[in-house]
């Protein structure tokens, strides 16, 4: 068995909420920064039902003044079997 990292979407969403609040930003502020016509994508990120794309993750990291690794929550407990 080999351990592979997976992204915990719910915990990553919780991180996004905490970082947004820590930086004094509303969902509307993020919507404006990204130029989204609706806030639905941001709510999906926060709820853990979707992840930001790589380019949006780069923007979030810059806006929150953190590294991308500080936004994503990685779970290394998942295991897979690699066939021989």
PDB file of N, CA and C in Angstrom:
ATOM      1  N   UNK A   1       0.843  -1.190   0.000  1.00  0.00           N
ATOM      2  CA  UNK A   1       0.000   0.000   0.000  1.00  0.00           C
ATOM      3  C   UNK A   1       0.888   1.255   0.000  1.00  0.00           C
ATOM      4  N   UNK A   2       0.444   2.231  -0.755  1.00  0.00           N
ATOM      5  CA  UNK A   2       1.159   3.486  -0.848  1.00  0.00           C
ATOM      6  C   UNK A   2       0.240   4.613  -0.411  1.00  0.00           C
ATOM      7  N   UNK A   3       0.775   5.509   0.396  1.00  0.00           N
ATOM      8  CA  UNK A   3      -0.019   6.666   0.812  1.00  0.00           C
ATOM      9  C   UNK A   3       0.057   7.732  -0.265  1.00  0.00           C
ATOM     10  N   UNK A   4      -1.100   8.309  -0.580  1.00  0.00           N
ATOM     11  CA  UNK A   4      -1.142   9.422  -1.525  1.00  0.00           C
ATOM     12  C   UNK A   4      -1.878  10.584  -0.863  1.00  0.00           C
ATOM     13  N   UNK A   5      -1.436  11.781  -1.103  1.00  0.00           N
ATOM     14  CA  UNK A   5      -2.139  12.927  -0.509  1.00  0.00           C
ATOM     15  C   UNK A   5      -3.431  13.232  -1.255  1.00  0.00           C
ATOM     16  N   UNK A   6      -4.441  13.621  -0.503  1.00  0.00           N
ATOM     17  CA  UNK A   6      -5.692  14.100  -1.082  1.00  0.00           C
ATOM     18  C   UNK A   6      -6.038  15.424  -0.417  1.00  0.00           C
ATOM     19  N   UNK A   7      -6.778  16.238  -1.114  1.00  0.00           N
ATOM     20  CA  UNK A   7      -7.181  17.529  -0.559  1.00  0.00           C
ATOM     21  C   UNK A   7      -8.495  17.349   0.180  1.00  0.00           C
ATOM     22  N   UNK A   8      -8.520  17.768   1.437  1.00  0.00           N
ATOM     23  CA  UNK A   8      -9.753  17.757   2.226  1.00  0.00           C
ATOM     24  C   UNK A   8     -10.518  19.022   1.851  1.00  0.00           C
ATOM     25  N   UNK A   9     -11.558  18.856   1.045  1.00  0.00           N
ATOM     26  CA  UNK A   9     -12.273  20.011   0.502  1.00  0.00           C
ATOM     27  C   UNK A   9     -13.018  20.788   1.587  1.00  0.00           C
ATOM     28  N   UNK A  10     -13.593  20.086   2.554  1.00  0.00           N
ATOM     29  CA  UNK A  10     -14.345  20.770   3.610  1.00  0.00           C
ATOM     30  C   UNK A  10     -13.413  21.593   4.488  1.00  0.00           C
ATOM     31  N   UNK A  11     -12.294  21.009   4.892  1.00  0.00           N
ATOM     32  CA  UNK A  11     -11.342  21.752   5.734  1.00  0.00           C
ATOM     33  C   UNK A  11     -10.683  22.888   4.958  1.00  0.00           C
ATOM     34  N   UNK A  12     -10.466  22.677   3.670  1.00  0.00           N
ATOM     35  CA  UNK A  12      -9.935  23.756   2.834  1.00  0.00           C
ATOM     36  C   UNK A  12     -10.947  24.905   2.776  1.00  0.00           C
ATOM     37  N   UNK A  13     -12.222  24.576   2.642  1.00  0.00           N
ATOM     38  CA  UNK A  13     -13.269  25.595   2.657  1.00  0.00           C
ATOM     39  C   UNK A  13     -13.298  26.362   3.963  1.00  0.00           C
ATOM     40  N   UNK A  14     -13.124  25.640   5.072  1.00  0.00           N
ATOM     41  CA  UNK A  14     -13.081  26.298   6.383  1.00  0.00           C
ATOM     42  C   UNK A  14     -11.880  27.233   6.473  1.00  0.00           C
ATOM     43  N   UNK A  15     -10.757  26.822   5.889  1.00  0.00           N
ATOM     44  CA  UNK A  15      -9.572  27.692   5.840  1.00  0.00           C
ATOM     45  C   UNK A  15      -9.862  28.969   5.063  1.00  0.00           C
ATOM     46  N   UNK A  16     -10.544  28.819   3.945  1.00  0.00           N
ATOM     47  CA  UNK A  16     -10.861  29.997   3.122  1.00  0.00           C
ATOM     48  C   UNK A  16     -11.731  30.968   3.913  1.00  0.00           C
ATOM     49  N   UNK A  17     -12.714  30.436   4.634  1.00  0.00           N
ATOM     50  CA  UNK A  17     -13.571  31.302   5.469  1.00  0.00           C
ATOM     51  C   UNK A  17     -12.728  32.023   6.514  1.00  0.00           C
ATOM     52  N   UNK A  18     -11.886  31.288   7.227  1.00  0.00           N
ATOM     53  CA  UNK A  18     -11.065  31.893   8.284  1.00  0.00           C
ATOM     54  C   UNK A  18     -10.122  32.953   7.731  1.00  0.00           C
ATOM     55  N   UNK A  19      -9.470  32.644   6.615  1.00  0.00           N
ATOM     56  CA  UNK A  19      -8.544  33.609   6.021  1.00  0.00           C
ATOM     57  C   UNK A  19      -9.274  34.838   5.491  1.00  0.00           C
ATOM     58  N   UNK A  20     -10.445  34.618   4.918  1.00  0.00           N
ATOM     59  CA  UNK A  20     -11.237  35.755   4.419  1.00  0.00           C
ATOM     60  C   UNK A  20     -11.595  36.678   5.570  1.00  0.00           C
ATOM     61  N   UNK A  21     -12.098  36.100   6.653  1.00  0.00           N
ATOM     62  CA  UNK A  21     -12.481  36.913   7.819  1.00  0.00           C
ATOM     63  C   UNK A  21     -11.269  37.572   8.463  1.00  0.00           C
ATOM     64  N   UNK A  22     -10.168  36.835   8.576  1.00  0.00           N
ATOM     65  CA  UNK A  22      -8.936  37.379   9.166  1.00  0.00           C
ATOM     66  C   UNK A  22      -8.456  38.611   8.399  1.00  0.00           C
ATOM     67  N   UNK A  23      -8.693  38.603   7.093  1.00  0.00           N
ATOM     68  CA  UNK A  23      -8.270  39.727   6.259  1.00  0.00           C
ATOM     69  C   UNK A  23      -9.356  40.780   6.091  1.00  0.00           C
ATOM     70  N   UNK A  24     -10.452  40.632   6.833  1.00  0.00           N
ATOM     71  CA  UNK A  24     -11.509  41.631   6.820  1.00  0.00           C
ATOM     72  C   UNK A  24     -12.254  41.726   5.503  1.00  0.00           C
ATOM     73  N   UNK A  25     -12.373  40.600   4.812  1.00  0.00           N
ATOM     74  CA  UNK A  25     -13.024  40.602   3.507  1.00  0.00           C
ATOM     75  C   UNK A  25     -14.373  39.896   3.580  1.00  0.00           C
ATOM     76  N   UNK A  26     -15.307  40.391   2.813  1.00  0.00           N
ATOM     77  CA  UNK A  26     -16.609  39.739   2.690  1.00  0.00           C
ATOM     78  C   UNK A  26     -16.593  38.869   1.431  1.00  0.00           C
ATOM     79  N   UNK A  27     -17.600  38.039   1.299  1.00  0.00           N
ATOM     80  CA  UNK A  27     -17.743  37.254   0.076  1.00  0.00           C
ATOM     81  C   UNK A  27     -17.885  38.203  -1.113  1.00  0.00           C
ATOM     82  N   UNK A  28     -18.611  39.279  -0.927  1.00  0.00           N
ATOM     83  CA  UNK A  28     -18.788  40.284  -1.985  1.00  0.00           C
ATOM     84  C   UNK A  28     -17.440  40.882  -2.391  1.00  0.00           C
ATOM     85  N   UNK A  29     -16.561  41.138  -1.409  1.00  0.00           N
ATOM     86  CA  UNK A  29     -15.227  41.649  -1.735  1.00  0.00           C
ATOM     87  C   UNK A  29     -14.483  40.673  -2.645  1.00  0.00           C
ATOM     88  N   UNK A  30     -14.517  39.381  -2.289  1.00  0.00           N
ATOM     89  CA  UNK A  30     -13.844  38.378  -3.122  1.00  0.00           C
ATOM     90  C   UNK A  30     -14.489  38.284  -4.496  1.00  0.00           C
ATOM     91  N   UNK A  31     -15.799  38.366  -4.534  1.00  0.00           N
ATOM     92  CA  UNK A  31     -16.512  38.337  -5.818  1.00  0.00           C
ATOM     93  C   UNK A  31     -16.007  39.467  -6.708  1.00  0.00           C
ATOM     94  N   UNK A  32     -15.852  40.652  -6.146  1.00  0.00           N
ATOM     95  CA  UNK A  32     -15.366  41.800  -6.915  1.00  0.00           C
ATOM     96  C   UNK A  32     -13.912  41.611  -7.348  1.00  0.00           C
ATOM     97  N   UNK A  33     -13.075  41.074  -6.458  1.00  0.00           N
ATOM     98  CA  UNK A  33     -11.667  40.845  -6.792  1.00  0.00           C
ATOM     99  C   UNK A  33     -11.542  39.899  -7.985  1.00  0.00           C
ATOM    100  N   UNK A  34     -12.345  38.847  -7.977  1.00  0.00           N
ATOM    101  CA  UNK A  34     -12.279  37.864  -9.053  1.00  0.00           C
ATOM    102  C   UNK A  34     -13.083  38.271 -10.283  1.00  0.00           C
ATOM    103  N   UNK A  35     -13.938  39.267 -10.134  1.00  0.00           N
ATOM    104  CA  UNK A  35     -14.752  39.697 -11.256  1.00  0.00           C
ATOM    105  C   UNK A  35     -15.874  38.730 -11.577  1.00  0.00           C
ATOM    106  N   UNK A  36     -16.303  37.963 -10.562  1.00  0.00           N
ATOM    107  CA  UNK A  36     -17.402  37.022 -10.756  1.00  0.00           C
ATOM    108  C   UNK A  36     -18.722  37.777 -10.791  1.00  0.00           C
ATOM    109  N   UNK A  37     -19.643  37.342 -11.642  1.00  0.00           N
ATOM    110  CA  UNK A  37     -20.951  38.000 -11.707  1.00  0.00           C
ATOM    111  C   UNK A  37     -21.844  37.589 -10.535  1.00  0.00           C
ATOM    112  N   UNK A  38     -21.582  36.401  -9.956  1.00  0.00           N
ATOM    113  CA  UNK A  38     -22.312  35.942  -8.773  1.00  0.00           C
ATOM    114  C   UNK A  38     -21.297  35.391  -7.773  1.00  0.00           C
ATOM    115  N   UNK A  39     -21.689  35.272  -6.508  1.00  0.00           N
ATOM    116  CA  UNK A  39     -20.756  34.764  -5.498  1.00  0.00           C
ATOM    117  C   UNK A  39     -20.769  33.235  -5.370  1.00  0.00           C
ATOM    118  N   UNK A  40     -21.499  32.542  -6.240  1.00  0.00           N
ATOM    119  CA  UNK A  40     -21.703  31.105  -6.080  1.00  0.00           C
ATOM    120  C   UNK A  40     -20.403  30.312  -5.993  1.00  0.00           C
ATOM    121  N   UNK A  41     -19.418  30.616  -6.810  1.00  0.00           N
ATOM    122  CA  UNK A  41     -18.151  29.876  -6.773  1.00  0.00           C
ATOM    123  C   UNK A  41     -17.486  30.001  -5.407  1.00  0.00           C
ATOM    124  N   UNK A  42     -17.507  31.196  -4.852  1.00  0.00           N
ATOM    125  CA  UNK A  42     -16.881  31.418  -3.540  1.00  0.00           C
ATOM    126  C   UNK A  42     -17.617  30.638  -2.459  1.00  0.00           C
ATOM    127  N   UNK A  43     -18.941  30.636  -2.516  1.00  0.00           N
ATOM    128  CA  UNK A  43     -19.711  29.850  -1.545  1.00  0.00           C
ATOM    129  C   UNK A  43     -19.411  28.361  -1.694  1.00  0.00           C
ATOM    130  N   UNK A  44     -19.241  27.884  -2.917  1.00  0.00           N
ATOM    131  CA  UNK A  44     -18.905  26.471  -3.131  1.00  0.00           C
ATOM    132  C   UNK A  44     -17.531  26.142  -2.551  1.00  0.00           C
ATOM    133  N   UNK A  45     -16.572  27.063  -2.707  1.00  0.00           N
ATOM    134  CA  UNK A  45     -15.254  26.848  -2.113  1.00  0.00           C
ATOM    135  C   UNK A  45     -15.389  26.743  -0.604  1.00  0.00           C
ATOM    136  N   UNK A  46     -16.133  27.675  -0.023  1.00  0.00           N
ATOM    137  CA  UNK A  46     -16.267  27.736   1.432  1.00  0.00           C
ATOM    138  C   UNK A  46     -17.015  26.525   1.988  1.00  0.00           C
ATOM    139  N   UNK A  47     -17.960  26.000   1.234  1.00  0.00           N
ATOM    140  CA  UNK A  47     -18.738  24.845   1.685  1.00  0.00           C
ATOM    141  C   UNK A  47     -18.013  23.530   1.436  1.00  0.00           C
ATOM    142  N   UNK A  48     -16.922  23.578   0.686  1.00  0.00           N
ATOM    143  CA  UNK A  48     -16.168  22.367   0.399  1.00  0.00           C
ATOM    144  C   UNK A  48     -16.781  21.512  -0.684  1.00  0.00           C
ATOM    145  N   UNK A  49     -17.631  22.101  -1.524  1.00  0.00           N
ATOM    146  CA  UNK A  49     -18.219  21.344  -2.626  1.00  0.00           C
ATOM    147  C   UNK A  49     -17.446  21.543  -3.929  1.00  0.00           C
ATOM    148  N   UNK A  50     -16.524  22.493  -3.936  1.00  0.00           N
ATOM    149  CA  UNK A  50     -15.660  22.742  -5.094  1.00  0.00           C
ATOM    150  C   UNK A  50     -14.364  23.359  -4.595  1.00  0.00           C
ATOM    151  N   UNK A  51     -13.333  23.224  -5.394  1.00  0.00           N
ATOM    152  CA  UNK A  51     -12.043  23.837  -5.080  1.00  0.00           C
ATOM    153  C   UNK A  51     -11.753  24.948  -6.078  1.00  0.00           C
ATOM    154  N   UNK A  52     -11.041  25.983  -5.635  1.00  0.00           N
ATOM    155  CA  UNK A  52     -10.634  27.017  -6.588  1.00  0.00           C
ATOM    156  C   UNK A  52      -9.683  26.413  -7.630  1.00  0.00           C
ATOM    157  N   UNK A  53      -9.759  26.917  -8.842  1.00  0.00           N
ATOM    158  CA  UNK A  53      -8.792  26.498  -9.865  1.00  0.00           C
ATOM    159  C   UNK A  53      -7.408  26.980  -9.425  1.00  0.00           C
ATOM    160  N   UNK A  54      -6.390  26.466 -10.068  1.00  0.00           N
ATOM    161  CA  UNK A  54      -5.022  26.846  -9.703  1.00  0.00           C
ATOM    162  C   UNK A  54      -4.826  28.356  -9.820  1.00  0.00           C
ATOM    163  N   UNK A  55      -5.310  28.958 -10.900  1.00  0.00           N
ATOM    164  CA  UNK A  55      -5.112  30.398 -11.054  1.00  0.00           C
ATOM    165  C   UNK A  55      -5.879  31.177  -9.980  1.00  0.00           C
ATOM    166  N   UNK A  56      -7.072  30.699  -9.603  1.00  0.00           N
ATOM    167  CA  UNK A  56      -7.811  31.371  -8.533  1.00  0.00           C
ATOM    168  C   UNK A  56      -7.153  31.137  -7.174  1.00  0.00           C
ATOM    169  N   UNK A  57      -6.537  29.985  -7.003  1.00  0.00           N
ATOM    170  CA  UNK A  57      -5.814  29.706  -5.760  1.00  0.00           C
ATOM    171  C   UNK A  57      -4.622  30.649  -5.612  1.00  0.00           C
ATOM    172  N   UNK A  58      -3.944  30.931  -6.713  1.00  0.00           N
ATOM    173  CA  UNK A  58      -2.822  31.880  -6.695  1.00  0.00           C
ATOM    174  C   UNK A  58      -3.318  33.265  -6.268  1.00  0.00           C
ATOM    175  N   UNK A  59      -4.455  33.679  -6.803  1.00  0.00           N
ATOM    176  CA  UNK A  59      -5.017  34.986  -6.440  1.00  0.00           C
ATOM    177  C   UNK A  59      -5.418  34.995  -4.966  1.00  0.00           C
ATOM    178  N   UNK A  60      -6.082  33.934  -4.497  1.00  0.00           N
ATOM    179  CA  UNK A  60      -6.465  33.873  -3.077  1.00  0.00           C
ATOM    180  C   UNK A  60      -5.242  33.986  -2.180  1.00  0.00           C
ATOM    181  N   UNK A  61      -4.177  33.270  -2.519  1.00  0.00           N
ATOM    182  CA  UNK A  61      -2.961  33.329  -1.715  1.00  0.00           C
ATOM    183  C   UNK A  61      -2.404  34.754  -1.662  1.00  0.00           C
ATOM    184  N   UNK A  62      -2.420  35.447  -2.783  1.00  0.00           N
ATOM    185  CA  UNK A  62      -1.930  36.830  -2.816  1.00  0.00           C
ATOM    186  C   UNK A  62      -2.834  37.751  -1.998  1.00  0.00           C
ATOM    187  N   UNK A  63      -4.141  37.581  -2.141  1.00  0.00           N
ATOM    188  CA  UNK A  63      -5.098  38.423  -1.409  1.00  0.00           C
ATOM    189  C   UNK A  63      -4.994  38.192   0.102  1.00  0.00           C
ATOM    190  N   UNK A  64      -4.814  36.910   0.490  1.00  0.00           N
ATOM    191  CA  UNK A  64      -4.733  36.569   1.905  1.00  0.00           C
ATOM    192  C   UNK A  64      -3.324  36.705   2.477  1.00  0.00           C
ATOM    193  N   UNK A  65      -2.344  36.995   1.621  1.00  0.00           N
ATOM    194  CA  UNK A  65      -0.936  37.141   2.047  1.00  0.00           C
ATOM    195  C   UNK A  65      -0.405  35.860   2.680  1.00  0.00           C
ATOM    196  N   UNK A  66      -0.704  34.725   2.038  1.00  0.00           N
ATOM    197  CA  UNK A  66      -0.228  33.422   2.503  1.00  0.00           C
ATOM    198  C   UNK A  66       0.254  32.617   1.303  1.00  0.00           C
ATOM    199  N   UNK A  67       0.857  31.470   1.573  1.00  0.00           N
ATOM    200  CA  UNK A  67       1.227  30.547   0.510  1.00  0.00           C
ATOM    201  C   UNK A  67       0.012  29.681   0.171  1.00  0.00           C
ATOM    202  N   UNK A  68      -0.022  29.147  -1.027  1.00  0.00           N
ATOM    203  CA  UNK A  68      -1.132  28.273  -1.420  1.00  0.00           C
ATOM    204  C   UNK A  68      -1.257  27.092  -0.458  1.00  0.00           C
ATOM    205  N   UNK A  69      -0.128  26.599   0.033  1.00  0.00           N
ATOM    206  CA  UNK A  69      -0.150  25.482   0.981  1.00  0.00           C
ATOM    207  C   UNK A  69      -0.854  25.844   2.285  1.00  0.00           C
ATOM    208  N   UNK A  70      -0.941  27.121   2.582  1.00  0.00           N
ATOM    209  CA  UNK A  70      -1.636  27.554   3.797  1.00  0.00           C
ATOM    210  C   UNK A  70      -3.147  27.585   3.602  1.00  0.00           C
ATOM    211  N   UNK A  71      -3.600  27.480   2.376  1.00  0.00           N
ATOM    212  CA  UNK A  71      -5.035  27.466   2.078  1.00  0.00           C
ATOM    213  C   UNK A  71      -5.534  26.024   1.990  1.00  0.00           C
ATOM    214  N   UNK A  72      -4.782  25.203   1.271  1.00  0.00           N
ATOM    215  CA  UNK A  72      -5.183  23.818   1.061  1.00  0.00           C
ATOM    216  C   UNK A  72      -4.905  22.962   2.296  1.00  0.00           C
ATOM    217  N   UNK A  73      -5.841  22.093   2.625  1.00  0.00           N
ATOM    218  CA  UNK A  73      -5.637  21.127   3.705  1.00  0.00           C
ATOM    219  C   UNK A  73      -5.468  19.760   3.048  1.00  0.00           C
ATOM    220  N   UNK A  74      -4.300  19.172   3.259  1.00  0.00           N
ATOM    221  CA  UNK A  74      -3.967  17.910   2.617  1.00  0.00           C
ATOM    222  C   UNK A  74      -4.060  16.781   3.636  1.00  0.00           C
ATOM    223  N   UNK A  75      -4.734  15.706   3.233  1.00  0.00           N
ATOM    224  CA  UNK A  75      -4.879  14.509   4.054  1.00  0.00           C
ATOM    225  C   UNK A  75      -3.984  13.437   3.440  1.00  0.00           C
ATOM    226  N   UNK A  76      -3.026  12.938   4.227  1.00  0.00           N
ATOM    227  CA  UNK A  76      -2.115  11.923   3.692  1.00  0.00           C
ATOM    228  C   UNK A  76      -2.481  10.520   4.156  1.00  0.00           C
ATOM    229  N   UNK A  77      -3.656  10.371   4.744  1.00  0.00           N
ATOM    230  CA  UNK A  77      -4.035   9.056   5.261  1.00  0.00           C
ATOM    231  C   UNK A  77      -4.609   8.128   4.197  1.00  0.00           C
ATOM    232  N   UNK A  78      -4.946   8.646   3.037  1.00  0.00           N
ATOM    233  CA  UNK A  78      -5.507   7.806   1.977  1.00  0.00           C
ATOM    234  C   UNK A  78      -4.432   6.849   1.464  1.00  0.00           C
ATOM    235  N   UNK A  79      -4.826   5.607   1.238  1.00  0.00           N
ATOM    236  CA  UNK A  79      -3.881   4.618   0.751  1.00  0.00           C
ATOM    237  C   UNK A  79      -4.436   3.953  -0.500  1.00  0.00           C
ATOM    238  N   UNK A  80      -3.534   3.652  -1.421  1.00  0.00           N
ATOM    239  CA  UNK A  80      -3.926   2.927  -2.622  1.00  0.00           C
ATOM    240  C   UNK A  80      -2.974   1.746  -2.805  1.00  0.00           C
ATOM    241  N   UNK A  81      -3.432   0.792  -3.547  1.00  0.00           N
ATOM    242  CA  UNK A  81      -2.616  -0.359  -3.865  1.00  0.00           C
ATOM    243  C   UNK A  81      -2.091  -0.167  -5.289  1.00  0.00           C
ATOM    244  N   UNK A  82      -0.803  -0.225  -5.437  1.00  0.00           N
ATOM    245  CA  UNK A  82      -0.189  -0.081  -6.762  1.00  0.00           C
ATOM    246  C   UNK A  82       0.155  -1.473  -7.262  1.00  0.00           C
ATOM    247  N   UNK A  83      -0.452  -1.830  -8.403  1.00  0.00           N
ATOM    248  CA  UNK A  83      -0.227  -3.155  -8.963  1.00  0.00           C
ATOM    249  C   UNK A  83       1.184  -3.341  -9.504  1.00  0.00           C
ATOM    250  N   UNK A  84       1.641  -4.569  -9.513  1.00  0.00           N
ATOM    251  CA  UNK A  84       2.990  -4.868  -9.998  1.00  0.00           C
ATOM    252  C   UNK A  84       2.953  -5.322 -11.445  1.00  0.00           C
TER     253      UNK A  84
END
